[in-house]
N, C-alpha and C. Protein backbone atom coordinates (compact mmCIF):
# COMPACT_ATOMS: atom_id res chain seq x y z
N UNK A 1 101.77 183.03 79.47
CA UNK A 1 101.79 181.73 80.18
C UNK A 1 100.62 180.88 79.52
N UNK A 2 100.89 179.66 79.23
CA UNK A 2 100.01 178.66 78.51
C UNK A 2 99.57 177.67 79.68
N UNK A 3 98.18 177.58 80.10
CA UNK A 3 97.89 176.75 81.15
C UNK A 3 97.73 175.32 80.32
N UNK A 4 97.60 174.35 81.25
CA UNK A 4 97.50 172.82 80.75
C UNK A 4 96.26 172.68 80.20
N UNK A 5 96.39 171.86 79.01
CA UNK A 5 94.98 171.65 78.36
C UNK A 5 93.85 171.29 79.22
N UNK A 6 94.14 170.50 80.17
CA UNK A 6 92.87 170.02 81.15
C UNK A 6 92.32 171.19 81.67
N UNK A 7 92.98 172.00 82.16
CA UNK A 7 92.70 173.27 83.00
C UNK A 7 91.95 174.22 82.09
N UNK A 8 92.34 174.37 80.70
CA UNK A 8 91.84 175.21 79.84
C UNK A 8 90.61 174.70 79.36
N UNK A 9 90.50 173.42 79.14
CA UNK A 9 89.05 172.77 78.65
C UNK A 9 88.07 172.73 79.64
N UNK A 10 88.38 172.67 80.94
CA UNK A 10 87.57 172.79 81.98
C UNK A 10 86.89 174.42 82.27
N UNK A 11 87.75 175.33 81.94
CA UNK A 11 87.45 176.69 82.05
C UNK A 11 86.15 177.23 81.31
N UNK A 12 85.28 177.92 82.08
CA UNK A 12 84.26 178.73 81.36
C UNK A 12 84.66 179.87 80.47
N UNK A 13 85.85 180.54 80.88
CA UNK A 13 86.40 181.59 80.21
C UNK A 13 87.70 181.35 80.05
N UNK A 14 88.29 181.73 78.92
CA UNK A 14 89.66 181.50 78.54
C UNK A 14 90.11 182.56 77.75
N UNK A 15 91.18 183.37 78.31
CA UNK A 15 91.63 184.32 77.51
C UNK A 15 92.75 184.03 76.48
N UNK A 16 92.80 184.38 75.33
CA UNK A 16 94.07 183.94 74.25
C UNK A 16 94.58 185.27 73.87
N UNK A 17 95.92 185.36 74.22
CA UNK A 17 96.53 186.70 73.84
C UNK A 17 97.85 186.22 72.85
N UNK A 18 97.85 187.15 71.96
CA UNK A 18 99.12 186.97 71.02
C UNK A 18 99.87 188.41 71.23
N UNK A 19 100.87 188.63 71.81
CA UNK A 19 101.46 189.81 72.00
C UNK A 19 102.06 190.30 70.77
N UNK A 20 102.31 189.41 69.87
CA UNK A 20 103.07 189.77 68.68
C UNK A 20 102.60 188.84 67.43
N UNK A 21 101.69 189.17 66.87
CA UNK A 21 100.96 188.52 65.51
C UNK A 21 101.46 189.27 64.32
N UNK A 22 102.64 188.54 63.50
CA UNK A 22 103.13 189.16 62.40
C UNK A 22 104.59 189.55 62.75
N UNK A 23 105.34 188.74 63.41
CA UNK A 23 106.67 188.93 63.92
C UNK A 23 107.75 189.28 62.91
N UNK A 24 107.62 188.53 61.90
CA UNK A 24 108.59 188.94 60.44
C UNK A 24 108.33 190.43 60.08
N UNK A 25 107.06 191.06 60.00
CA UNK A 25 106.78 192.32 59.77
C UNK A 25 107.68 193.21 60.96
N UNK A 26 107.27 193.00 62.11
CA UNK A 26 108.03 193.63 63.03
C UNK A 26 109.51 193.85 62.98
N UNK A 27 110.04 192.61 62.70
CA UNK A 27 111.63 192.60 62.68
C UNK A 27 111.85 193.38 61.45
N UNK A 28 111.23 193.29 60.35
CA UNK A 28 111.45 194.10 59.22
C UNK A 28 111.25 195.55 59.18
N UNK A 29 110.46 195.88 60.15
CA UNK A 29 110.19 197.38 60.35
C UNK A 29 108.95 197.76 59.61
N UNK A 30 108.07 196.61 59.16
CA UNK A 30 106.85 197.08 58.52
C UNK A 30 105.74 197.08 59.34
N UNK A 31 104.58 197.52 58.71
CA UNK A 31 103.37 197.70 59.73
C UNK A 31 102.61 196.53 59.92
N UNK A 32 102.71 195.45 59.23
CA UNK A 32 101.74 194.40 59.23
C UNK A 32 101.89 193.51 60.50
N UNK A 33 102.04 193.96 61.70
CA UNK A 33 101.97 193.10 62.85
C UNK A 33 100.92 193.81 63.75
N UNK A 34 100.40 193.12 64.85
CA UNK A 34 99.29 193.46 65.73
C UNK A 34 99.49 192.82 67.00
N UNK A 35 98.78 193.37 68.20
CA UNK A 35 98.62 192.79 69.31
C UNK A 35 97.27 192.31 69.38
N UNK A 36 96.97 191.03 69.80
CA UNK A 36 95.61 190.63 69.73
C UNK A 36 95.14 189.93 71.24
N UNK A 37 94.02 190.25 71.75
CA UNK A 37 93.50 189.88 72.92
C UNK A 37 92.07 189.30 72.56
N UNK A 38 91.82 187.99 72.82
CA UNK A 38 90.67 187.33 72.48
C UNK A 38 90.01 186.61 73.67
N UNK A 39 88.90 186.51 73.85
CA UNK A 39 87.99 185.80 74.93
C UNK A 39 87.16 184.77 74.38
N UNK A 40 87.35 183.38 74.95
CA UNK A 40 86.45 182.51 74.78
C UNK A 40 85.58 182.21 75.84
N UNK A 41 84.42 182.11 75.58
CA UNK A 41 83.37 181.84 76.70
C UNK A 41 82.70 180.34 76.09
N UNK A 42 82.75 179.43 77.02
CA UNK A 42 82.24 178.05 76.71
C UNK A 42 82.85 177.58 75.19
N UNK A 43 84.22 177.81 75.07
CA UNK A 43 84.97 177.35 73.85
C UNK A 43 84.48 177.98 72.70
N UNK A 44 83.95 179.27 72.82
CA UNK A 44 83.68 180.04 71.51
C UNK A 44 84.13 181.54 71.64
N UNK A 45 84.70 182.02 70.59
CA UNK A 45 85.14 183.34 70.81
C UNK A 45 84.21 184.26 70.69
N UNK A 46 84.04 185.14 71.64
CA UNK A 46 83.05 186.16 72.01
C UNK A 46 83.59 187.69 71.89
N UNK A 47 84.76 187.92 72.30
CA UNK A 47 85.49 189.23 72.40
C UNK A 47 86.76 189.20 71.48
N UNK A 48 86.91 190.20 70.99
CA UNK A 48 88.35 190.44 70.30
C UNK A 48 88.82 191.81 70.21
N UNK A 49 90.06 192.12 70.55
CA UNK A 49 90.61 193.32 70.42
C UNK A 49 92.10 193.15 69.47
N UNK A 50 92.10 193.91 68.41
CA UNK A 50 93.24 193.83 67.67
C UNK A 50 93.80 195.11 67.43
N UNK A 51 95.25 195.54 67.91
CA UNK A 51 95.72 196.68 67.89
C UNK A 51 97.01 196.72 67.08
N UNK A 52 96.98 197.49 66.01
CA UNK A 52 97.99 197.75 65.15
C UNK A 52 98.86 199.01 65.70
N UNK A 53 100.07 198.81 66.04
CA UNK A 53 100.81 199.87 66.61
C UNK A 53 101.27 200.90 65.60
N UNK A 54 101.63 200.48 64.48
CA UNK A 54 102.12 201.42 63.49
C UNK A 54 101.06 201.84 62.69
N UNK A 55 100.27 202.95 62.90
CA UNK A 55 99.07 203.47 62.34
C UNK A 55 97.87 203.51 63.19
N UNK A 56 98.37 202.93 64.59
CA UNK A 56 97.39 203.27 65.79
C UNK A 56 96.02 202.99 65.38
N UNK A 57 95.84 201.68 64.81
CA UNK A 57 94.50 201.36 64.51
C UNK A 57 93.93 200.26 65.54
N UNK A 58 92.92 200.43 66.10
CA UNK A 58 92.29 199.33 67.03
C UNK A 58 90.90 198.79 66.54
N UNK A 59 90.88 197.47 66.43
CA UNK A 59 89.79 196.77 66.15
C UNK A 59 89.18 196.23 67.36
N UNK A 60 87.73 196.22 67.61
CA UNK A 60 87.18 195.55 68.69
C UNK A 60 85.70 195.08 68.39
N UNK A 61 85.27 193.92 69.25
CA UNK A 61 83.99 193.54 69.22
C UNK A 61 83.63 192.58 70.41
N UNK A 62 82.59 192.81 70.86
CA UNK A 62 82.19 192.12 72.32
C UNK A 62 80.72 191.96 72.15
N UNK A 63 80.13 190.97 73.11
CA UNK A 63 78.73 191.08 73.29
C UNK A 63 78.19 192.19 73.62
N UNK A 64 77.27 192.73 72.64
CA UNK A 64 76.56 193.87 72.82
C UNK A 64 77.43 195.10 72.24
N UNK A 65 78.58 194.84 71.81
CA UNK A 65 79.33 196.06 71.10
C UNK A 65 79.62 195.44 69.67
N UNK A 66 79.22 196.29 68.75
CA UNK A 66 79.29 195.94 67.37
C UNK A 66 80.92 195.87 66.96
N UNK A 67 81.22 195.23 65.82
CA UNK A 67 82.60 195.32 65.34
C UNK A 67 82.71 196.74 64.99
N UNK A 68 84.03 197.26 65.46
CA UNK A 68 84.26 198.61 65.50
C UNK A 68 85.80 198.84 65.12
N UNK A 69 86.20 199.79 64.45
CA UNK A 69 87.48 200.27 64.20
C UNK A 69 87.70 201.73 64.75
N UNK A 70 88.79 201.88 65.44
CA UNK A 70 89.20 203.21 66.08
C UNK A 70 90.37 203.67 65.30
N UNK A 71 90.12 204.59 64.53
CA UNK A 71 91.38 205.36 63.72
C UNK A 71 91.27 206.93 63.86
N UNK A 72 92.50 207.23 64.56
CA UNK A 72 92.76 208.81 64.85
C UNK A 72 91.73 209.31 65.81
N UNK A 73 91.19 208.48 66.60
CA UNK A 73 90.32 208.66 67.86
C UNK A 73 88.86 208.76 67.23
N UNK A 74 88.48 208.37 65.91
CA UNK A 74 87.21 208.11 65.61
C UNK A 74 86.89 206.80 65.13
N UNK A 75 85.61 206.42 65.83
CA UNK A 75 85.03 205.20 65.71
C UNK A 75 84.40 204.90 64.41
N UNK A 76 84.61 203.70 63.85
CA UNK A 76 83.76 203.43 62.45
C UNK A 76 83.28 202.01 62.80
N UNK A 77 81.83 201.92 62.48
CA UNK A 77 81.22 200.66 62.49
C UNK A 77 81.62 199.88 61.43
N UNK A 78 82.03 198.46 61.64
CA UNK A 78 82.47 197.75 60.60
C UNK A 78 81.42 196.61 59.94
N UNK A 79 81.33 196.55 58.74
CA UNK A 79 80.51 195.45 58.02
C UNK A 79 81.19 195.02 56.95
N UNK A 80 81.11 193.67 56.69
CA UNK A 80 81.70 192.98 55.48
C UNK A 80 81.13 193.38 54.19
N UNK A 81 81.86 193.06 53.17
CA UNK A 81 81.48 193.32 51.82
C UNK A 81 80.21 192.43 51.26
N UNK A 82 79.52 192.73 50.23
CA UNK A 82 78.55 192.02 49.71
C UNK A 82 78.95 191.20 48.50
N UNK A 83 80.26 191.11 48.15
CA UNK A 83 80.69 190.33 47.02
C UNK A 83 80.33 188.94 47.00
N UNK A 84 79.57 188.43 46.16
CA UNK A 84 79.09 187.04 45.98
C UNK A 84 79.79 186.22 45.02
N UNK A 85 80.53 186.70 44.00
CA UNK A 85 81.03 185.99 42.96
C UNK A 85 82.45 185.62 43.26
N UNK A 86 82.84 184.46 43.20
CA UNK A 86 84.16 184.17 43.65
C UNK A 86 85.12 184.64 42.65
N UNK A 87 85.00 184.94 41.72
CA UNK A 87 86.02 185.47 40.64
C UNK A 87 85.98 187.03 40.90
N UNK A 88 85.32 187.55 41.70
CA UNK A 88 85.32 189.04 41.90
C UNK A 88 86.02 189.31 43.41
N UNK A 89 86.39 188.29 44.10
CA UNK A 89 86.80 188.47 45.36
C UNK A 89 88.25 189.27 45.32
N UNK A 90 88.47 189.91 46.43
CA UNK A 90 89.71 190.55 46.69
C UNK A 90 90.36 189.75 47.87
N UNK A 91 91.42 189.13 47.34
CA UNK A 91 92.05 188.06 48.32
C UNK A 91 93.06 188.88 49.12
N UNK A 92 93.24 188.43 50.41
CA UNK A 92 94.23 188.78 51.22
C UNK A 92 95.07 187.61 51.75
N UNK A 93 96.33 187.66 51.57
CA UNK A 93 97.17 186.45 51.93
C UNK A 93 98.34 186.73 52.82
N UNK A 94 99.10 185.69 53.23
CA UNK A 94 100.17 185.92 54.10
C UNK A 94 101.31 186.56 53.24
N UNK A 95 101.91 187.49 54.11
CA UNK A 95 103.05 188.05 53.40
C UNK A 95 104.41 187.50 53.51
N UNK A 96 104.74 186.75 54.64
CA UNK A 96 106.03 186.38 54.95
C UNK A 96 105.86 184.72 54.91
N UNK A 97 104.64 184.10 54.80
CA UNK A 97 104.70 182.80 54.90
C UNK A 97 103.59 182.23 53.71
N UNK A 98 103.81 182.97 52.38
CA UNK A 98 102.94 182.62 51.44
C UNK A 98 103.09 181.52 50.74
N UNK A 99 102.06 180.52 50.84
CA UNK A 99 102.15 179.18 50.25
C UNK A 99 101.98 179.36 48.76
N UNK A 100 102.63 178.37 47.99
CA UNK A 100 102.42 178.19 46.51
C UNK A 100 101.00 177.86 46.07
N UNK A 101 100.28 177.20 47.17
CA UNK A 101 98.96 176.88 46.76
C UNK A 101 98.05 178.05 46.54
N UNK A 102 98.53 179.14 47.01
CA UNK A 102 97.72 180.47 46.87
C UNK A 102 97.61 180.83 45.34
N UNK A 103 98.43 180.51 44.56
CA UNK A 103 98.60 180.64 43.05
C UNK A 103 97.47 179.78 42.39
N UNK A 104 97.33 178.51 42.98
CA UNK A 104 96.32 177.53 42.67
C UNK A 104 94.90 177.96 42.96
N UNK A 105 94.81 178.64 44.17
CA UNK A 105 93.59 179.20 44.61
C UNK A 105 93.28 180.35 43.72
N UNK A 106 94.00 181.25 43.36
CA UNK A 106 93.76 182.41 42.58
C UNK A 106 93.16 181.78 41.06
N UNK A 107 93.90 180.66 40.67
CA UNK A 107 93.45 180.32 39.24
C UNK A 107 91.99 179.61 39.36
N UNK A 108 91.82 178.78 40.42
CA UNK A 108 90.59 178.10 40.49
C UNK A 108 89.36 179.23 40.87
N UNK A 109 89.58 180.40 41.47
CA UNK A 109 88.52 181.28 41.61
C UNK A 109 88.51 182.20 40.62
N UNK A 110 89.61 182.48 39.76
CA UNK A 110 89.73 183.42 38.56
C UNK A 110 89.76 184.62 38.95
N UNK A 111 90.81 184.99 40.07
CA UNK A 111 90.92 186.37 40.75
C UNK A 111 92.27 186.78 40.64
N UNK A 112 92.64 188.10 40.12
CA UNK A 112 94.02 188.36 40.22
C UNK A 112 94.39 189.15 41.27
N UNK A 113 93.26 189.80 41.94
CA UNK A 113 93.44 190.87 43.05
C UNK A 113 93.89 190.22 44.44
N UNK A 114 95.25 190.40 44.85
CA UNK A 114 95.72 190.01 46.01
C UNK A 114 96.74 190.81 46.81
N UNK A 115 96.34 190.83 48.08
CA UNK A 115 97.07 191.80 49.01
C UNK A 115 97.72 190.85 50.05
N UNK A 116 98.85 191.26 50.28
CA UNK A 116 99.78 190.45 51.29
C UNK A 116 99.97 191.18 52.51
N UNK A 117 99.69 190.60 53.68
CA UNK A 117 99.72 191.28 54.97
C UNK A 117 100.18 190.21 55.98
N UNK A 118 100.95 190.53 56.87
CA UNK A 118 101.63 189.51 57.87
C UNK A 118 100.65 189.04 58.86
N UNK A 119 99.98 189.92 59.67
CA UNK A 119 99.26 189.51 60.90
C UNK A 119 97.86 189.01 60.42
N UNK A 120 97.37 187.92 61.04
CA UNK A 120 96.28 187.21 60.81
C UNK A 120 95.09 188.09 61.13
N UNK A 121 95.34 188.72 62.34
CA UNK A 121 94.38 189.63 62.91
C UNK A 121 94.09 190.82 61.87
N UNK A 122 95.09 191.47 61.37
CA UNK A 122 95.01 192.43 60.35
C UNK A 122 94.30 192.07 59.22
N UNK A 123 94.54 190.93 58.76
CA UNK A 123 93.98 190.33 57.46
C UNK A 123 92.38 190.11 57.54
N UNK A 124 91.97 189.39 58.85
CA UNK A 124 90.55 189.54 59.13
C UNK A 124 90.09 190.77 59.31
N UNK A 125 90.78 191.76 59.84
CA UNK A 125 90.44 193.23 59.99
C UNK A 125 90.02 193.79 58.63
N UNK A 126 90.75 193.58 57.60
CA UNK A 126 90.46 194.15 56.32
C UNK A 126 89.00 193.45 55.77
N UNK A 127 88.82 192.07 56.19
CA UNK A 127 87.63 191.53 55.77
C UNK A 127 86.52 192.20 56.43
N UNK A 128 86.72 192.30 57.81
CA UNK A 128 85.60 192.92 58.52
C UNK A 128 85.23 194.20 58.04
N UNK A 129 86.38 195.07 57.72
CA UNK A 129 86.02 196.26 57.30
C UNK A 129 85.40 196.32 55.81
N UNK A 130 85.13 195.26 55.05
CA UNK A 130 84.84 195.38 53.58
C UNK A 130 85.95 195.90 52.61
N UNK A 131 87.13 195.87 53.16
CA UNK A 131 88.16 196.22 52.10
C UNK A 131 88.72 195.05 51.31
N UNK A 132 88.55 193.77 51.95
CA UNK A 132 88.93 192.58 51.34
C UNK A 132 87.68 191.61 51.67
N UNK A 133 87.66 190.34 50.69
CA UNK A 133 86.58 189.49 50.73
C UNK A 133 87.04 188.12 51.38
N UNK A 134 88.20 187.93 51.11
CA UNK A 134 88.61 186.41 51.21
C UNK A 134 89.96 186.30 51.81
N UNK A 135 90.12 185.45 52.66
CA UNK A 135 91.58 184.92 53.07
C UNK A 135 91.64 183.39 53.29
N UNK A 136 92.66 182.78 52.47
CA UNK A 136 92.85 181.44 52.40
C UNK A 136 94.37 181.38 52.87
N UNK A 137 94.52 180.26 53.89
CA UNK A 137 95.76 179.97 54.46
C UNK A 137 95.91 178.51 54.62
N UNK A 138 96.57 177.81 53.62
CA UNK A 138 96.72 176.50 53.55
C UNK A 138 97.69 175.87 54.52
N UNK A 139 98.33 176.65 55.34
CA UNK A 139 99.40 176.23 56.36
C UNK A 139 98.73 175.69 57.66
N UNK A 140 99.41 174.76 58.26
CA UNK A 140 99.03 174.29 59.48
C UNK A 140 99.83 175.04 60.71
N UNK A 141 100.42 176.16 60.44
CA UNK A 141 101.15 176.76 61.42
C UNK A 141 100.50 177.69 62.35
N UNK A 142 99.30 178.19 62.12
CA UNK A 142 98.55 179.15 62.92
C UNK A 142 98.12 178.39 64.03
N UNK A 143 97.83 179.10 65.06
CA UNK A 143 97.15 178.66 66.46
C UNK A 143 95.89 179.28 66.74
N UNK A 144 95.42 178.76 67.90
CA UNK A 144 94.02 179.41 68.44
C UNK A 144 94.11 180.68 68.71
N UNK A 145 95.33 181.07 69.37
CA UNK A 145 95.48 182.61 69.71
C UNK A 145 95.80 183.50 68.39
N UNK A 146 95.84 182.70 67.33
CA UNK A 146 96.04 183.63 66.20
C UNK A 146 94.49 183.92 65.61
N UNK A 147 93.66 183.15 65.89
CA UNK A 147 92.37 183.21 65.51
C UNK A 147 91.23 183.65 66.25
N UNK A 148 91.29 183.60 67.56
CA UNK A 148 90.38 183.79 68.68
C UNK A 148 89.84 185.29 68.42
N UNK A 149 90.70 186.18 68.60
CA UNK A 149 90.28 187.63 68.68
C UNK A 149 89.84 188.20 67.25
N UNK A 150 90.44 187.66 66.09
CA UNK A 150 89.99 188.11 64.70
C UNK A 150 88.65 187.41 64.45
N UNK A 151 88.38 186.00 64.94
CA UNK A 151 87.15 185.31 64.60
C UNK A 151 86.01 186.18 65.24
N UNK A 152 86.32 186.45 66.57
CA UNK A 152 85.18 187.23 67.43
C UNK A 152 84.66 188.67 66.35
N UNK A 153 85.76 189.35 66.11
CA UNK A 153 85.59 190.56 65.29
C UNK A 153 84.99 190.34 63.98
N UNK A 154 85.41 189.23 63.25
CA UNK A 154 84.95 188.98 61.70
C UNK A 154 83.32 188.46 61.91
N UNK A 155 82.95 187.66 62.86
CA UNK A 155 81.90 187.25 62.98
C UNK A 155 80.68 188.43 63.56
N UNK A 156 81.31 189.31 64.36
CA UNK A 156 80.49 190.54 64.82
C UNK A 156 80.14 191.53 63.48
N UNK A 157 81.16 191.45 62.44
CA UNK A 157 81.01 192.14 61.22
C UNK A 157 80.22 191.52 60.04
N UNK A 158 79.76 190.38 60.47
CA UNK A 158 79.02 189.54 59.36
C UNK A 158 79.83 188.54 58.75
N UNK A 159 81.01 188.41 59.18
CA UNK A 159 81.83 187.45 58.13
C UNK A 159 81.97 185.89 58.85
N UNK A 160 82.80 185.11 58.13
CA UNK A 160 82.73 183.98 58.59
C UNK A 160 84.15 183.30 58.47
N UNK A 161 84.64 182.52 59.52
CA UNK A 161 86.04 181.89 59.40
C UNK A 161 85.67 180.25 59.72
N UNK A 162 86.16 179.53 58.86
CA UNK A 162 86.24 177.95 59.03
C UNK A 162 87.64 177.34 58.68
N UNK A 163 87.72 176.13 58.91
CA UNK A 163 88.94 175.63 58.34
C UNK A 163 88.73 175.44 56.71
N UNK A 164 89.86 174.97 56.07
CA UNK A 164 89.81 175.05 54.47
C UNK A 164 88.66 174.13 54.02
N UNK A 165 88.04 173.05 55.08
CA UNK A 165 87.11 172.28 54.64
C UNK A 165 85.60 172.58 55.08
N UNK A 166 85.44 173.96 55.56
CA UNK A 166 84.33 174.41 55.89
C UNK A 166 83.64 174.18 57.30
N UNK A 167 84.59 173.64 58.03
CA UNK A 167 84.27 173.27 59.45
C UNK A 167 84.73 174.20 60.40
N UNK A 168 83.89 174.55 61.40
CA UNK A 168 84.17 175.63 62.25
C UNK A 168 85.55 175.39 63.09
N UNK A 169 86.30 176.51 63.33
CA UNK A 169 87.46 176.36 64.09
C UNK A 169 87.29 175.91 65.64
N UNK A 170 87.73 174.88 66.09
CA UNK A 170 87.42 174.32 67.28
C UNK A 170 88.32 174.82 68.39
N UNK A 171 87.81 175.12 69.60
CA UNK A 171 88.56 175.78 70.57
C UNK A 171 88.62 174.60 71.93
N UNK A 172 87.80 173.55 71.70
CA UNK A 172 87.54 172.69 72.64
C UNK A 172 88.26 171.44 72.42
N UNK A 173 89.56 171.68 71.97
CA UNK A 173 90.48 170.66 71.58
C UNK A 173 91.85 170.83 72.66
N UNK A 174 92.53 169.85 72.76
CA UNK A 174 93.77 170.00 73.60
C UNK A 174 94.98 170.61 72.68
N UNK A 175 94.96 170.14 71.33
CA UNK A 175 96.06 171.00 70.50
C UNK A 175 95.67 172.29 69.95
N UNK A 176 96.45 173.20 70.23
CA UNK A 176 96.08 174.57 69.77
C UNK A 176 96.54 175.17 68.54
N UNK A 177 97.10 174.02 67.67
CA UNK A 177 97.38 174.29 66.27
C UNK A 177 96.11 174.19 65.37
N UNK A 178 96.08 175.06 64.37
CA UNK A 178 95.10 175.15 63.37
C UNK A 178 95.59 174.14 62.23
N UNK A 179 95.42 172.96 62.46
CA UNK A 179 96.27 172.14 61.39
C UNK A 179 95.48 171.73 60.19
N UNK A 180 94.18 172.39 59.99
CA UNK A 180 93.32 172.26 58.91
C UNK A 180 93.24 173.31 58.09
N UNK A 181 94.23 174.49 58.24
CA UNK A 181 94.22 175.45 57.52
C UNK A 181 93.20 176.45 57.81
N UNK A 182 93.04 177.73 57.14
CA UNK A 182 91.96 178.72 57.64
C UNK A 182 91.41 179.12 56.31
N UNK A 183 89.94 179.52 56.42
CA UNK A 183 89.22 180.01 55.37
C UNK A 183 88.31 181.07 55.84
N UNK A 184 88.60 182.31 55.58
CA UNK A 184 87.83 183.41 56.24
C UNK A 184 87.05 184.27 54.95
N UNK A 185 85.99 184.62 55.28
CA UNK A 185 85.39 185.49 54.12
C UNK A 185 84.36 186.43 54.57
N UNK A 186 83.56 187.12 53.62
CA UNK A 186 82.53 187.83 54.00
C UNK A 186 81.38 187.07 54.36
N UNK A 187 81.39 185.66 54.32
CA UNK A 187 80.24 184.98 54.56
C UNK A 187 79.36 184.62 53.31
N UNK A 188 79.13 185.70 52.60
CA UNK A 188 78.33 185.43 51.38
C UNK A 188 79.04 184.64 50.47
N UNK A 189 80.07 184.68 50.21
CA UNK A 189 80.85 183.97 49.09
C UNK A 189 81.66 182.68 49.68
N UNK A 190 81.43 182.31 50.84
CA UNK A 190 82.13 181.31 51.64
C UNK A 190 81.78 179.96 51.01
N UNK A 191 80.61 179.56 50.98
CA UNK A 191 80.47 178.14 50.27
C UNK A 191 80.77 177.95 48.85
N UNK A 192 80.42 179.09 48.07
CA UNK A 192 81.09 178.98 46.67
C UNK A 192 82.58 178.88 46.54
N UNK A 193 83.22 179.72 47.32
CA UNK A 193 84.73 179.44 47.33
C UNK A 193 85.16 178.22 47.72
N UNK A 194 84.40 177.52 48.81
CA UNK A 194 84.89 176.35 49.37
C UNK A 194 84.53 175.28 48.29
N UNK A 195 83.44 175.28 47.51
CA UNK A 195 83.29 174.42 46.29
C UNK A 195 84.39 174.48 45.33
N UNK A 196 84.81 175.60 44.85
CA UNK A 196 85.82 175.73 43.92
C UNK A 196 87.15 175.26 44.31
N UNK A 197 87.26 175.42 45.50
CA UNK A 197 88.66 174.86 46.12
C UNK A 197 88.69 173.36 46.41
N UNK A 198 87.58 172.75 46.07
CA UNK A 198 87.48 171.30 46.73
C UNK A 198 88.60 170.38 46.01
N UNK A 199 89.03 170.71 44.85
CA UNK A 199 89.97 170.22 44.09
C UNK A 199 91.29 170.22 44.42
N UNK A 200 91.50 171.31 45.21
CA UNK A 200 92.87 171.79 45.76
C UNK A 200 92.98 171.28 47.07
N UNK A 201 91.90 171.28 47.99
CA UNK A 201 91.95 170.90 49.34
C UNK A 201 90.74 169.83 49.44
N UNK A 202 91.00 168.55 48.89
CA UNK A 202 90.05 167.58 48.71
C UNK A 202 89.39 167.01 50.04
N UNK A 203 90.35 166.67 50.91
CA UNK A 203 89.90 166.08 52.15
C UNK A 203 90.91 166.66 53.35
N UNK A 204 90.41 166.50 54.56
CA UNK A 204 91.23 166.99 55.65
C UNK A 204 92.21 166.15 56.00
N UNK A 205 93.49 166.56 56.67
CA UNK A 205 94.37 165.63 56.97
C UNK A 205 93.88 164.74 58.15
N UNK A 206 94.47 163.54 57.95
CA UNK A 206 94.13 162.34 58.89
C UNK A 206 94.31 162.71 60.20
């Protein structure tokens, strides 16, 4: 159930739930889908749970609780990588909605290492784990419920999520679409990547 914008913007606490992130992977029988539960307090993500049913992986983070992965009943503390060279980044990109601009992104960065995954939550989970360093999404198709839980997780692991232009994802807005794309990283390489991609994404949409 989606509440009216006025009610959501007045609320101190807002839950954002995506019961099926990565629908095409689910339909195809692949494992790149997840269930995501995020909590915004005063319009900022503070809690995130991402559950991958195939593989039984659970990511979570909350105030006072570090970014954690539970796999086979064992908890693993998460931390992003320390990769600082844009040319050395391990990219994760969309599997079912891969934009042609990703080829231009790879060329601009000088990297060939690309992994394709369906769910936004699982992509940011890989960055939080230190298995990937960068996610670039030129599309305007994602929504706040796609980013709330993963942003809380990534931030707790030391990473960073912005739009393509380096601005924070805003949750204090009436429209829930992320119409300026997404850029997620280990944080260390974020500004250098943004500088290299400035010719591909020179200015935000009007």
